[in-house]
Amino acid sequence: MDVLRSWIITLVTVTVVCSIIEKFAPQGNLNKYVKLICGLTVTVVIITPALKLLKGDFEISSVVWNQYVRMSEGELKSRIARLQEEDSDQILELYRLSLINDVKSRFTGEREFIVTNVDVVLFEDPKDERFGLLRSIYLKLEPTDGNRINPVSIQTITYIKNQLITVFAIKENQIIIDQSAFSGG
């Protein structure tokens, strides 16, 4: 960056000096030569970095590396934090879907009911020590074709809750079962 700064300062200085010299040069044939010399000088100053690059004195990799190192540390940290948050959100959602599929498949083939909907709520704050643990499980039960009138028995509800308590190590109050479809119709 210092190379670029010094080149710009040199270019501006040469341009200003040439403008002053051209202003005070006498009119006539000599003025043409002054303008020619000033133009050539400004041109040489402009192409000097390209000549250094061709000669090999100018290492572009060091300039690029210096700019990379100067990148804002705060920006880099925020990018990393954002990527980690996105990753944890995606992993948590995948885990949630896996739990939902597990609950649905666990009660497939029951005679009294069908599990039509399952939702699992997890602790989603990565700073919380309970991150990823189950907060609650919601199940919606509907009657099977052979059971349109009779509600699900208390023993069956207890069986469902005991299964979920055993498998997921949660408390009974974390399991919510919706039986509203068993209205007798």
N, C-alpha and C. Protein backbone atom coordinates (compact mmCIF):
# COMPACT_ATOMS: atom_id res chain seq x y z
N MET A 1 0.82 -1.18 0.00
CA MET A 1 0.00 0.00 0.00
C MET A 1 0.87 1.25 0.00
N ASP A 2 2.03 1.16 0.66
CA ASP A 2 2.96 2.29 0.68
C ASP A 2 3.49 2.60 -0.71
N VAL A 3 3.67 1.56 -1.52
CA VAL A 3 4.16 1.75 -2.88
C VAL A 3 3.15 2.56 -3.69
N LEU A 4 1.90 2.20 -3.56
CA LEU A 4 0.85 2.91 -4.29
C LEU A 4 0.75 4.36 -3.82
N ARG A 5 0.84 4.56 -2.52
CA ARG A 5 0.77 5.92 -1.97
C ARG A 5 1.91 6.79 -2.48
N SER A 6 3.12 6.26 -2.46
CA SER A 6 4.27 7.04 -2.93
C SER A 6 4.18 7.31 -4.44
N TRP A 7 3.66 6.37 -5.21
CA TRP A 7 3.50 6.56 -6.65
C TRP A 7 2.51 7.69 -6.93
N ILE A 8 1.39 7.71 -6.20
CA ILE A 8 0.39 8.76 -6.39
C ILE A 8 0.98 10.13 -6.02
N ILE A 9 1.71 10.19 -4.91
CA ILE A 9 2.32 11.46 -4.50
C ILE A 9 3.30 11.94 -5.56
N THR A 10 4.10 11.04 -6.10
CA THR A 10 5.06 11.40 -7.15
C THR A 10 4.34 11.89 -8.39
N LEU A 11 3.30 11.21 -8.80
CA LEU A 11 2.53 11.59 -9.99
C LEU A 11 1.92 12.98 -9.82
N VAL A 12 1.32 13.23 -8.68
CA VAL A 12 0.70 14.54 -8.44
C VAL A 12 1.77 15.63 -8.42
N THR A 13 2.89 15.37 -7.76
CA THR A 13 3.96 16.37 -7.68
C THR A 13 4.52 16.71 -9.06
N VAL A 14 4.81 15.70 -9.86
CA VAL A 14 5.35 15.93 -11.21
C VAL A 14 4.34 16.68 -12.06
N THR A 15 3.07 16.34 -11.96
CA THR A 15 2.03 17.03 -12.73
C THR A 15 1.94 18.50 -12.33
N VAL A 16 1.98 18.79 -11.06
CA VAL A 16 1.91 20.18 -10.59
C VAL A 16 3.14 20.97 -11.04
N VAL A 17 4.33 20.38 -10.91
CA VAL A 17 5.57 21.07 -11.32
C VAL A 17 5.54 21.32 -12.83
N CYS A 18 5.11 20.33 -13.59
CA CYS A 18 5.04 20.52 -15.05
C CYS A 18 4.04 21.62 -15.42
N SER A 19 2.93 21.67 -14.73
CA SER A 19 1.94 22.72 -15.00
C SER A 19 2.52 24.10 -14.72
N ILE A 20 3.27 24.23 -13.64
CA ILE A 20 3.89 25.52 -13.29
C ILE A 20 4.93 25.91 -14.34
N ILE A 21 5.76 24.93 -14.75
CA ILE A 21 6.79 25.21 -15.76
C ILE A 21 6.14 25.63 -17.07
N GLU A 22 5.08 24.94 -17.50
CA GLU A 22 4.39 25.29 -18.75
C GLU A 22 3.77 26.68 -18.67
N LYS A 23 3.30 27.08 -17.51
CA LYS A 23 2.69 28.39 -17.33
C LYS A 23 3.71 29.51 -17.53
N PHE A 24 4.95 29.28 -17.04
CA PHE A 24 5.96 30.34 -17.10
C PHE A 24 6.90 30.21 -18.31
N ALA A 25 6.71 29.19 -19.12
CA ALA A 25 7.57 29.04 -20.31
C ALA A 25 7.19 30.10 -21.34
N PRO A 26 8.17 30.61 -22.06
CA PRO A 26 7.86 31.64 -23.06
C PRO A 26 7.07 31.04 -24.21
N GLN A 27 6.21 31.85 -24.81
CA GLN A 27 5.38 31.42 -25.93
C GLN A 27 6.26 31.28 -27.17
N GLY A 28 5.89 30.33 -28.03
CA GLY A 28 6.64 30.14 -29.26
C GLY A 28 7.12 28.71 -29.38
N ASN A 29 8.27 28.55 -30.09
CA ASN A 29 8.82 27.21 -30.35
C ASN A 29 9.28 26.52 -29.07
N LEU A 30 9.79 27.26 -28.12
CA LEU A 30 10.29 26.66 -26.88
C LEU A 30 9.15 26.05 -26.06
N ASN A 31 7.96 26.64 -26.14
CA ASN A 31 6.80 26.15 -25.39
C ASN A 31 6.43 24.73 -25.83
N LYS A 32 6.58 24.43 -27.14
CA LYS A 32 6.28 23.09 -27.64
C LYS A 32 7.20 22.06 -26.99
N TYR A 33 8.49 22.42 -26.87
CA TYR A 33 9.45 21.47 -26.29
C TYR A 33 9.21 21.28 -24.79
N VAL A 34 8.83 22.34 -24.11
CA VAL A 34 8.52 22.23 -22.67
C VAL A 34 7.33 21.30 -22.46
N LYS A 35 6.28 21.47 -23.27
CA LYS A 35 5.11 20.61 -23.16
C LYS A 35 5.46 19.15 -23.48
N LEU A 36 6.32 18.96 -24.48
CA LEU A 36 6.75 17.61 -24.84
C LEU A 36 7.51 16.95 -23.69
N ILE A 37 8.46 17.67 -23.10
CA ILE A 37 9.26 17.13 -21.99
C ILE A 37 8.37 16.83 -20.79
N CYS A 38 7.47 17.75 -20.46
CA CYS A 38 6.56 17.53 -19.32
C CYS A 38 5.65 16.33 -19.58
N GLY A 39 5.13 16.20 -20.77
CA GLY A 39 4.28 15.06 -21.12
C GLY A 39 5.01 13.75 -21.00
N LEU A 40 6.28 13.72 -21.49
CA LEU A 40 7.09 12.50 -21.38
C LEU A 40 7.38 12.16 -19.92
N THR A 41 7.65 13.19 -19.11
CA THR A 41 7.95 12.96 -17.69
C THR A 41 6.73 12.37 -16.97
N VAL A 42 5.56 12.93 -17.22
CA VAL A 42 4.33 12.40 -16.59
C VAL A 42 4.07 10.98 -17.07
N THR A 43 4.31 10.72 -18.34
CA THR A 43 4.12 9.37 -18.89
C THR A 43 5.05 8.36 -18.22
N VAL A 44 6.31 8.75 -18.03
CA VAL A 44 7.28 7.86 -17.37
C VAL A 44 6.85 7.57 -15.93
N VAL A 45 6.39 8.61 -15.24
CA VAL A 45 5.93 8.41 -13.86
C VAL A 45 4.72 7.48 -13.83
N ILE A 46 3.84 7.61 -14.80
CA ILE A 46 2.64 6.76 -14.84
C ILE A 46 3.02 5.30 -15.09
N ILE A 47 3.96 5.04 -15.99
CA ILE A 47 4.28 3.64 -16.33
C ILE A 47 5.35 3.02 -15.45
N THR A 48 5.91 3.77 -14.52
CA THR A 48 6.96 3.22 -13.65
C THR A 48 6.52 1.95 -12.91
N PRO A 49 5.33 1.89 -12.30
CA PRO A 49 4.94 0.64 -11.63
C PRO A 49 4.88 -0.55 -12.58
N ALA A 50 4.44 -0.33 -13.82
CA ALA A 50 4.39 -1.42 -14.79
C ALA A 50 5.80 -1.88 -15.15
N LEU A 51 6.73 -0.95 -15.26
CA LEU A 51 8.12 -1.32 -15.54
C LEU A 51 8.72 -2.11 -14.37
N LYS A 52 8.42 -1.70 -13.15
CA LYS A 52 8.92 -2.44 -11.98
C LYS A 52 8.34 -3.84 -11.94
N LEU A 53 7.07 -3.96 -12.33
CA LEU A 53 6.43 -5.27 -12.34
C LEU A 53 7.10 -6.18 -13.37
N LEU A 54 7.39 -5.64 -14.56
CA LEU A 54 8.05 -6.42 -15.60
C LEU A 54 9.49 -6.75 -15.20
N LYS A 55 10.15 -5.83 -14.54
CA LYS A 55 11.53 -6.03 -14.12
C LYS A 55 11.61 -7.05 -12.99
N GLY A 56 10.58 -7.12 -12.17
CA GLY A 56 10.57 -8.10 -11.08
C GLY A 56 10.82 -7.47 -9.73
N ASP A 57 11.00 -6.17 -9.63
CA ASP A 57 11.21 -5.52 -8.34
C ASP A 57 9.92 -5.45 -7.53
N PHE A 58 8.82 -5.49 -8.21
CA PHE A 58 7.52 -5.30 -7.59
C PHE A 58 6.89 -6.67 -7.35
N GLU A 59 6.73 -7.06 -6.09
CA GLU A 59 6.16 -8.37 -5.77
C GLU A 59 4.68 -8.20 -5.44
N ILE A 60 3.84 -8.60 -6.39
CA ILE A 60 2.40 -8.43 -6.21
C ILE A 60 1.88 -9.33 -5.10
N SER A 61 2.52 -10.49 -4.91
CA SER A 61 2.05 -11.39 -3.87
C SER A 61 2.21 -10.77 -2.48
N SER A 62 3.27 -10.02 -2.27
CA SER A 62 3.45 -9.38 -0.96
C SER A 62 2.42 -8.28 -0.74
N VAL A 63 2.09 -7.54 -1.81
CA VAL A 63 1.07 -6.49 -1.69
C VAL A 63 -0.29 -7.12 -1.38
N VAL A 64 -0.62 -8.20 -2.07
CA VAL A 64 -1.89 -8.88 -1.84
C VAL A 64 -1.93 -9.46 -0.43
N TRP A 65 -0.84 -10.07 0.00
CA TRP A 65 -0.79 -10.64 1.35
C TRP A 65 -0.96 -9.55 2.41
N ASN A 66 -0.29 -8.41 2.22
CA ASN A 66 -0.42 -7.32 3.18
C ASN A 66 -1.85 -6.84 3.27
N GLN A 67 -2.54 -6.75 2.14
CA GLN A 67 -3.94 -6.32 2.16
C GLN A 67 -4.82 -7.35 2.86
N TYR A 68 -4.52 -8.61 2.63
CA TYR A 68 -5.29 -9.68 3.27
C TYR A 68 -5.12 -9.62 4.79
N VAL A 69 -3.89 -9.42 5.23
CA VAL A 69 -3.61 -9.36 6.66
C VAL A 69 -4.29 -8.16 7.30
N ARG A 70 -4.42 -7.09 6.56
CA ARG A 70 -5.04 -5.88 7.11
C ARG A 70 -6.56 -5.94 7.14
N MET A 71 -7.12 -7.03 6.59
CA MET A 71 -8.58 -7.15 6.60
C MET A 71 -9.08 -7.04 8.03
N SER A 72 -10.17 -6.43 8.17
CA SER A 72 -10.73 -6.17 9.50
C SER A 72 -10.93 -7.47 10.27
N GLU A 73 -10.37 -7.52 11.46
CA GLU A 73 -10.51 -8.70 12.30
C GLU A 73 -11.96 -8.88 12.73
N GLY A 74 -12.63 -7.79 12.98
CA GLY A 74 -14.05 -7.86 13.35
C GLY A 74 -14.90 -8.46 12.25
N GLU A 75 -14.62 -8.08 11.01
CA GLU A 75 -15.35 -8.63 9.86
C GLU A 75 -15.13 -10.13 9.74
N LEU A 76 -13.90 -10.54 9.91
CA LEU A 76 -13.56 -11.96 9.82
C LEU A 76 -14.27 -12.74 10.92
N LYS A 77 -14.27 -12.21 12.14
CA LYS A 77 -14.94 -12.89 13.25
C LYS A 77 -16.44 -12.98 13.02
N SER A 78 -17.03 -11.92 12.49
CA SER A 78 -18.48 -11.95 12.25
C SER A 78 -18.83 -12.97 11.17
N ARG A 79 -18.00 -13.09 10.16
CA ARG A 79 -18.24 -14.11 9.12
C ARG A 79 -18.19 -15.51 9.70
N ILE A 80 -17.19 -15.75 10.53
CA ILE A 80 -17.04 -17.07 11.16
C ILE A 80 -18.24 -17.37 12.05
N ALA A 81 -18.65 -16.39 12.85
CA ALA A 81 -19.80 -16.58 13.74
C ALA A 81 -21.07 -16.86 12.94
N ARG A 82 -21.26 -16.14 11.83
CA ARG A 82 -22.44 -16.35 11.00
C ARG A 82 -22.45 -17.75 10.40
N LEU A 83 -21.29 -18.22 9.93
CA LEU A 83 -21.21 -19.56 9.36
C LEU A 83 -21.47 -20.63 10.42
N GLN A 84 -20.93 -20.43 11.62
CA GLN A 84 -21.16 -21.39 12.70
C GLN A 84 -22.63 -21.43 13.08
N GLU A 85 -23.28 -20.28 13.11
CA GLU A 85 -24.70 -20.22 13.44
C GLU A 85 -25.53 -20.93 12.38
N GLU A 86 -25.21 -20.69 11.11
CA GLU A 86 -25.93 -21.36 10.03
C GLU A 86 -25.75 -22.87 10.11
N ASP A 87 -24.52 -23.31 10.39
CA ASP A 87 -24.26 -24.74 10.50
C ASP A 87 -25.05 -25.35 11.66
N SER A 88 -25.04 -24.69 12.81
CA SER A 88 -25.74 -25.26 13.97
C SER A 88 -27.24 -25.27 13.72
N ASP A 89 -27.78 -24.26 13.03
CA ASP A 89 -29.21 -24.24 12.70
C ASP A 89 -29.57 -25.40 11.78
N GLN A 90 -28.73 -25.65 10.79
CA GLN A 90 -29.01 -26.74 9.85
C GLN A 90 -28.91 -28.09 10.53
N ILE A 91 -27.91 -28.26 11.38
CA ILE A 91 -27.75 -29.53 12.10
C ILE A 91 -28.92 -29.74 13.06
N LEU A 92 -29.34 -28.69 13.74
CA LEU A 92 -30.46 -28.78 14.67
C LEU A 92 -31.75 -29.15 13.94
N GLU A 93 -31.98 -28.56 12.77
CA GLU A 93 -33.17 -28.88 11.99
C GLU A 93 -33.14 -30.33 11.49
N LEU A 94 -31.99 -30.79 11.08
CA LEU A 94 -31.84 -32.18 10.65
C LEU A 94 -32.13 -33.14 11.82
N TYR A 95 -31.61 -32.80 12.98
CA TYR A 95 -31.84 -33.59 14.19
C TYR A 95 -33.33 -33.61 14.54
N ARG A 96 -33.99 -32.45 14.44
CA ARG A 96 -35.42 -32.34 14.74
C ARG A 96 -36.23 -33.23 13.80
N LEU A 97 -35.92 -33.18 12.51
CA LEU A 97 -36.64 -34.02 11.54
C LEU A 97 -36.41 -35.50 11.80
N SER A 98 -35.22 -35.85 12.22
CA SER A 98 -34.92 -37.24 12.56
C SER A 98 -35.75 -37.71 13.75
N LEU A 99 -35.89 -36.85 14.75
CA LEU A 99 -36.71 -37.19 15.92
C LEU A 99 -38.18 -37.35 15.53
N ILE A 100 -38.67 -36.47 14.67
CA ILE A 100 -40.06 -36.54 14.22
C ILE A 100 -40.31 -37.86 13.50
N ASN A 101 -39.41 -38.24 12.61
CA ASN A 101 -39.55 -39.51 11.90
C ASN A 101 -39.49 -40.70 12.85
N ASP A 102 -38.66 -40.61 13.86
CA ASP A 102 -38.55 -41.68 14.84
C ASP A 102 -39.86 -41.85 15.60
N VAL A 103 -40.45 -40.74 16.04
CA VAL A 103 -41.71 -40.81 16.80
C VAL A 103 -42.82 -41.38 15.91
N LYS A 104 -42.90 -40.91 14.66
CA LYS A 104 -43.95 -41.40 13.76
C LYS A 104 -43.81 -42.91 13.51
N SER A 105 -42.60 -43.35 13.25
CA SER A 105 -42.39 -44.77 12.94
C SER A 105 -42.56 -45.65 14.18
N ARG A 106 -42.35 -45.11 15.35
CA ARG A 106 -42.47 -45.87 16.60
C ARG A 106 -43.91 -46.35 16.82
N PHE A 107 -44.91 -45.61 16.34
CA PHE A 107 -46.30 -45.95 16.59
C PHE A 107 -47.05 -46.35 15.31
N THR A 108 -46.31 -46.77 14.30
CA THR A 108 -46.93 -47.24 13.07
C THR A 108 -47.57 -48.61 13.32
N GLY A 109 -48.77 -48.80 12.78
CA GLY A 109 -49.43 -50.11 12.89
C GLY A 109 -50.30 -50.27 14.12
N GLU A 110 -50.54 -49.22 14.86
CA GLU A 110 -51.43 -49.30 16.02
C GLU A 110 -52.87 -49.45 15.54
N ARG A 111 -53.70 -50.16 16.31
CA ARG A 111 -55.08 -50.42 15.91
C ARG A 111 -56.04 -49.30 16.31
N GLU A 112 -55.76 -48.65 17.42
CA GLU A 112 -56.69 -47.64 17.93
C GLU A 112 -56.49 -46.27 17.29
N PHE A 113 -55.27 -45.96 16.85
CA PHE A 113 -54.98 -44.59 16.42
C PHE A 113 -53.90 -44.58 15.34
N ILE A 114 -53.82 -43.42 14.68
CA ILE A 114 -52.75 -43.13 13.72
C ILE A 114 -52.11 -41.82 14.17
N VAL A 115 -50.81 -41.78 14.17
CA VAL A 115 -50.11 -40.53 14.47
C VAL A 115 -50.03 -39.75 13.16
N THR A 116 -50.82 -38.69 13.05
CA THR A 116 -50.87 -37.92 11.81
C THR A 116 -49.91 -36.75 11.79
N ASN A 117 -49.57 -36.25 12.96
CA ASN A 117 -48.67 -35.09 13.00
C ASN A 117 -47.81 -35.17 14.25
N VAL A 118 -46.54 -34.85 14.08
CA VAL A 118 -45.60 -34.79 15.20
C VAL A 118 -44.79 -33.53 15.06
N ASP A 119 -44.57 -32.88 16.18
CA ASP A 119 -43.66 -31.74 16.19
C ASP A 119 -42.78 -31.87 17.42
N VAL A 120 -41.52 -31.56 17.23
CA VAL A 120 -40.55 -31.63 18.31
C VAL A 120 -39.96 -30.24 18.50
N VAL A 121 -39.96 -29.77 19.73
CA VAL A 121 -39.39 -28.46 20.03
C VAL A 121 -38.11 -28.70 20.81
N LEU A 122 -37.03 -28.08 20.33
CA LEU A 122 -35.71 -28.24 20.95
C LEU A 122 -35.24 -26.93 21.55
N PHE A 123 -34.27 -27.01 22.44
CA PHE A 123 -33.59 -25.81 22.91
C PHE A 123 -32.66 -25.36 21.80
N GLU A 124 -32.86 -24.14 21.29
CA GLU A 124 -32.15 -23.70 20.10
C GLU A 124 -31.05 -22.69 20.35
N ASP A 125 -30.89 -22.22 21.58
CA ASP A 125 -29.87 -21.23 21.88
C ASP A 125 -28.52 -21.93 22.07
N PRO A 126 -27.55 -21.69 21.18
CA PRO A 126 -26.26 -22.38 21.29
C PRO A 126 -25.50 -22.04 22.57
N LYS A 127 -25.86 -20.94 23.21
CA LYS A 127 -25.18 -20.55 24.45
C LYS A 127 -25.77 -21.25 25.67
N ASP A 128 -26.95 -21.84 25.51
CA ASP A 128 -27.62 -22.54 26.59
C ASP A 128 -26.99 -23.93 26.75
N GLU A 129 -26.79 -24.34 27.98
CA GLU A 129 -26.18 -25.67 28.20
C GLU A 129 -27.11 -26.80 27.78
N ARG A 130 -28.41 -26.50 27.62
CA ARG A 130 -29.38 -27.50 27.17
C ARG A 130 -29.55 -27.52 25.66
N PHE A 131 -28.68 -26.83 24.93
CA PHE A 131 -28.77 -26.73 23.46
C PHE A 131 -28.93 -28.11 22.84
N GLY A 132 -29.98 -28.25 22.02
CA GLY A 132 -30.24 -29.50 21.30
C GLY A 132 -31.10 -30.49 22.06
N LEU A 133 -31.37 -30.25 23.34
CA LEU A 133 -32.21 -31.15 24.11
C LEU A 133 -33.69 -30.89 23.80
N LEU A 134 -34.52 -31.89 24.06
CA LEU A 134 -35.95 -31.77 23.80
C LEU A 134 -36.63 -30.88 24.83
N ARG A 135 -37.43 -29.96 24.34
CA ARG A 135 -38.28 -29.16 25.23
C ARG A 135 -39.64 -29.83 25.36
N SER A 136 -40.19 -30.24 24.23
CA SER A 136 -41.49 -30.90 24.26
C SER A 136 -41.75 -31.62 22.94
N ILE A 137 -42.69 -32.56 23.03
CA ILE A 137 -43.12 -33.33 21.86
C ILE A 137 -44.63 -33.19 21.74
N TYR A 138 -45.09 -32.83 20.55
CA TYR A 138 -46.52 -32.71 20.27
C TYR A 138 -46.91 -33.84 19.31
N LEU A 139 -47.97 -34.56 19.67
CA LEU A 139 -48.49 -35.62 18.80
C LEU A 139 -49.95 -35.34 18.52
N LYS A 140 -50.35 -35.57 17.30
CA LYS A 140 -51.77 -35.48 16.95
C LYS A 140 -52.21 -36.88 16.54
N LEU A 141 -53.20 -37.38 17.26
CA LEU A 141 -53.71 -38.72 17.00
C LEU A 141 -55.06 -38.62 16.32
N GLU A 142 -55.27 -39.50 15.36
CA GLU A 142 -56.57 -39.61 14.69
C GLU A 142 -56.99 -41.06 14.72
N PRO A 143 -58.29 -41.30 14.63
CA PRO A 143 -58.76 -42.69 14.68
C PRO A 143 -58.41 -43.44 13.40
N THR A 144 -58.24 -44.74 13.56
CA THR A 144 -58.05 -45.59 12.38
C THR A 144 -59.41 -45.82 11.73
N ASP A 145 -59.40 -46.44 10.57
CA ASP A 145 -60.67 -46.69 9.87
C ASP A 145 -61.60 -47.58 10.70
N GLY A 146 -61.04 -48.49 11.47
CA GLY A 146 -61.86 -49.40 12.28
C GLY A 146 -62.28 -48.81 13.60
N ASN A 147 -61.83 -47.62 13.93
CA ASN A 147 -62.13 -47.02 15.24
C ASN A 147 -62.56 -45.57 15.06
N ARG A 148 -63.75 -45.32 14.59
CA ARG A 148 -64.22 -43.96 14.35
C ARG A 148 -64.88 -43.34 15.58
N ILE A 149 -65.34 -44.14 16.51
CA ILE A 149 -66.13 -43.62 17.61
C ILE A 149 -65.37 -43.64 18.93
N ASN A 150 -64.74 -44.74 19.23
CA ASN A 150 -64.11 -44.91 20.55
C ASN A 150 -62.85 -44.04 20.67
N PRO A 151 -62.75 -43.28 21.76
CA PRO A 151 -61.51 -42.52 21.99
C PRO A 151 -60.37 -43.45 22.39
N VAL A 152 -59.19 -42.91 22.35
CA VAL A 152 -58.02 -43.68 22.76
C VAL A 152 -58.09 -43.88 24.26
N SER A 153 -57.84 -45.11 24.68
CA SER A 153 -57.95 -45.41 26.11
C SER A 153 -56.83 -44.76 26.91
N ILE A 154 -57.08 -44.61 28.20
CA ILE A 154 -56.09 -44.03 29.11
C ILE A 154 -54.83 -44.89 29.12
N GLN A 155 -55.03 -46.22 29.06
CA GLN A 155 -53.88 -47.12 29.06
C GLN A 155 -53.01 -46.90 27.83
N THR A 156 -53.64 -46.64 26.68
CA THR A 156 -52.89 -46.40 25.45
C THR A 156 -52.13 -45.08 25.53
N ILE A 157 -52.75 -44.05 26.06
CA ILE A 157 -52.07 -42.77 26.24
C ILE A 157 -50.88 -42.94 27.18
N THR A 158 -51.09 -43.69 28.27
CA THR A 158 -50.00 -43.96 29.21
C THR A 158 -48.87 -44.73 28.51
N TYR A 159 -49.25 -45.70 27.68
CA TYR A 159 -48.26 -46.47 26.93
C TYR A 159 -47.44 -45.55 26.00
N ILE A 160 -48.13 -44.67 25.29
CA ILE A 160 -47.44 -43.74 24.38
C ILE A 160 -46.47 -42.86 25.16
N LYS A 161 -46.96 -42.28 26.25
CA LYS A 161 -46.10 -41.40 27.05
C LYS A 161 -44.92 -42.16 27.65
N ASN A 162 -45.15 -43.37 28.14
CA ASN A 162 -44.05 -44.16 28.72
C ASN A 162 -42.99 -44.49 27.67
N GLN A 163 -43.45 -44.79 26.46
CA GLN A 163 -42.50 -45.07 25.37
C GLN A 163 -41.61 -43.84 25.12
N LEU A 164 -42.24 -42.68 25.01
CA LEU A 164 -41.49 -41.45 24.73
C LEU A 164 -40.60 -41.04 25.90
N ILE A 165 -41.08 -41.23 27.12
CA ILE A 165 -40.28 -40.91 28.32
C ILE A 165 -39.04 -41.79 28.36
N THR A 166 -39.21 -43.07 28.08
CA THR A 166 -38.10 -44.02 28.12
C THR A 166 -37.07 -43.73 27.02
N VAL A 167 -37.56 -43.52 25.81
CA VAL A 167 -36.66 -43.35 24.68
C VAL A 167 -35.93 -42.01 24.70
N PHE A 168 -36.66 -40.93 25.02
CA PHE A 168 -36.09 -39.59 24.90
C PHE A 168 -35.70 -38.96 26.23
N ALA A 169 -35.90 -39.68 27.33
CA ALA A 169 -35.52 -39.20 28.66
C ALA A 169 -36.10 -37.81 28.95
N ILE A 170 -37.41 -37.71 28.73
CA ILE A 170 -38.12 -36.46 29.02
C ILE A 170 -39.17 -36.73 30.09
N LYS A 171 -39.77 -35.66 30.58
CA LYS A 171 -40.81 -35.79 31.60
C LYS A 171 -42.18 -35.86 30.94
N GLU A 172 -43.14 -36.36 31.69
CA GLU A 172 -44.48 -36.54 31.15
C GLU A 172 -45.12 -35.22 30.73
N ASN A 173 -44.83 -34.15 31.46
CA ASN A 173 -45.43 -32.86 31.12
C ASN A 173 -44.83 -32.24 29.86
N GLN A 174 -43.80 -32.84 29.29
CA GLN A 174 -43.21 -32.37 28.05
C GLN A 174 -43.85 -33.04 26.83
N ILE A 175 -44.79 -33.93 27.07
CA ILE A 175 -45.47 -34.65 25.99
C ILE A 175 -46.91 -34.14 25.92
N ILE A 176 -47.30 -33.64 24.78
CA ILE A 176 -48.64 -33.12 24.57
C ILE A 176 -49.29 -33.93 23.46
N ILE A 177 -50.43 -34.52 23.79
CA ILE A 177 -51.11 -35.38 22.82
C ILE A 177 -52.47 -34.77 22.49
N ASP A 178 -52.71 -34.54 21.22
CA ASP A 178 -53.97 -33.97 20.74
C ASP A 178 -54.85 -35.12 20.25
N GLN A 179 -56.01 -35.28 20.91
CA GLN A 179 -56.95 -36.34 20.54
C GLN A 179 -58.26 -35.74 20.02
N SER A 180 -58.23 -34.52 19.59
CA SER A 180 -59.46 -33.83 19.19
C SER A 180 -60.18 -34.49 18.01
N ALA A 181 -59.48 -35.29 17.25
CA ALA A 181 -60.10 -35.97 16.10
C ALA A 181 -61.04 -37.10 16.54
N PHE A 182 -60.94 -37.52 17.79
CA PHE A 182 -61.78 -38.58 18.31
C PHE A 182 -63.08 -38.00 18.88
N SER A 183 -63.81 -37.29 18.07
CA SER A 183 -65.03 -36.65 18.55
C SER A 183 -66.27 -37.51 18.29
N GLY A 184 -66.05 -38.67 17.74
CA GLY A 184 -67.18 -39.55 17.53
C GLY A 184 -67.86 -39.39 16.17
N GLY A 185 -67.15 -38.96 15.19
CA GLY A 185 -67.82 -38.72 13.93
C GLY A 185 -67.26 -39.45 12.82
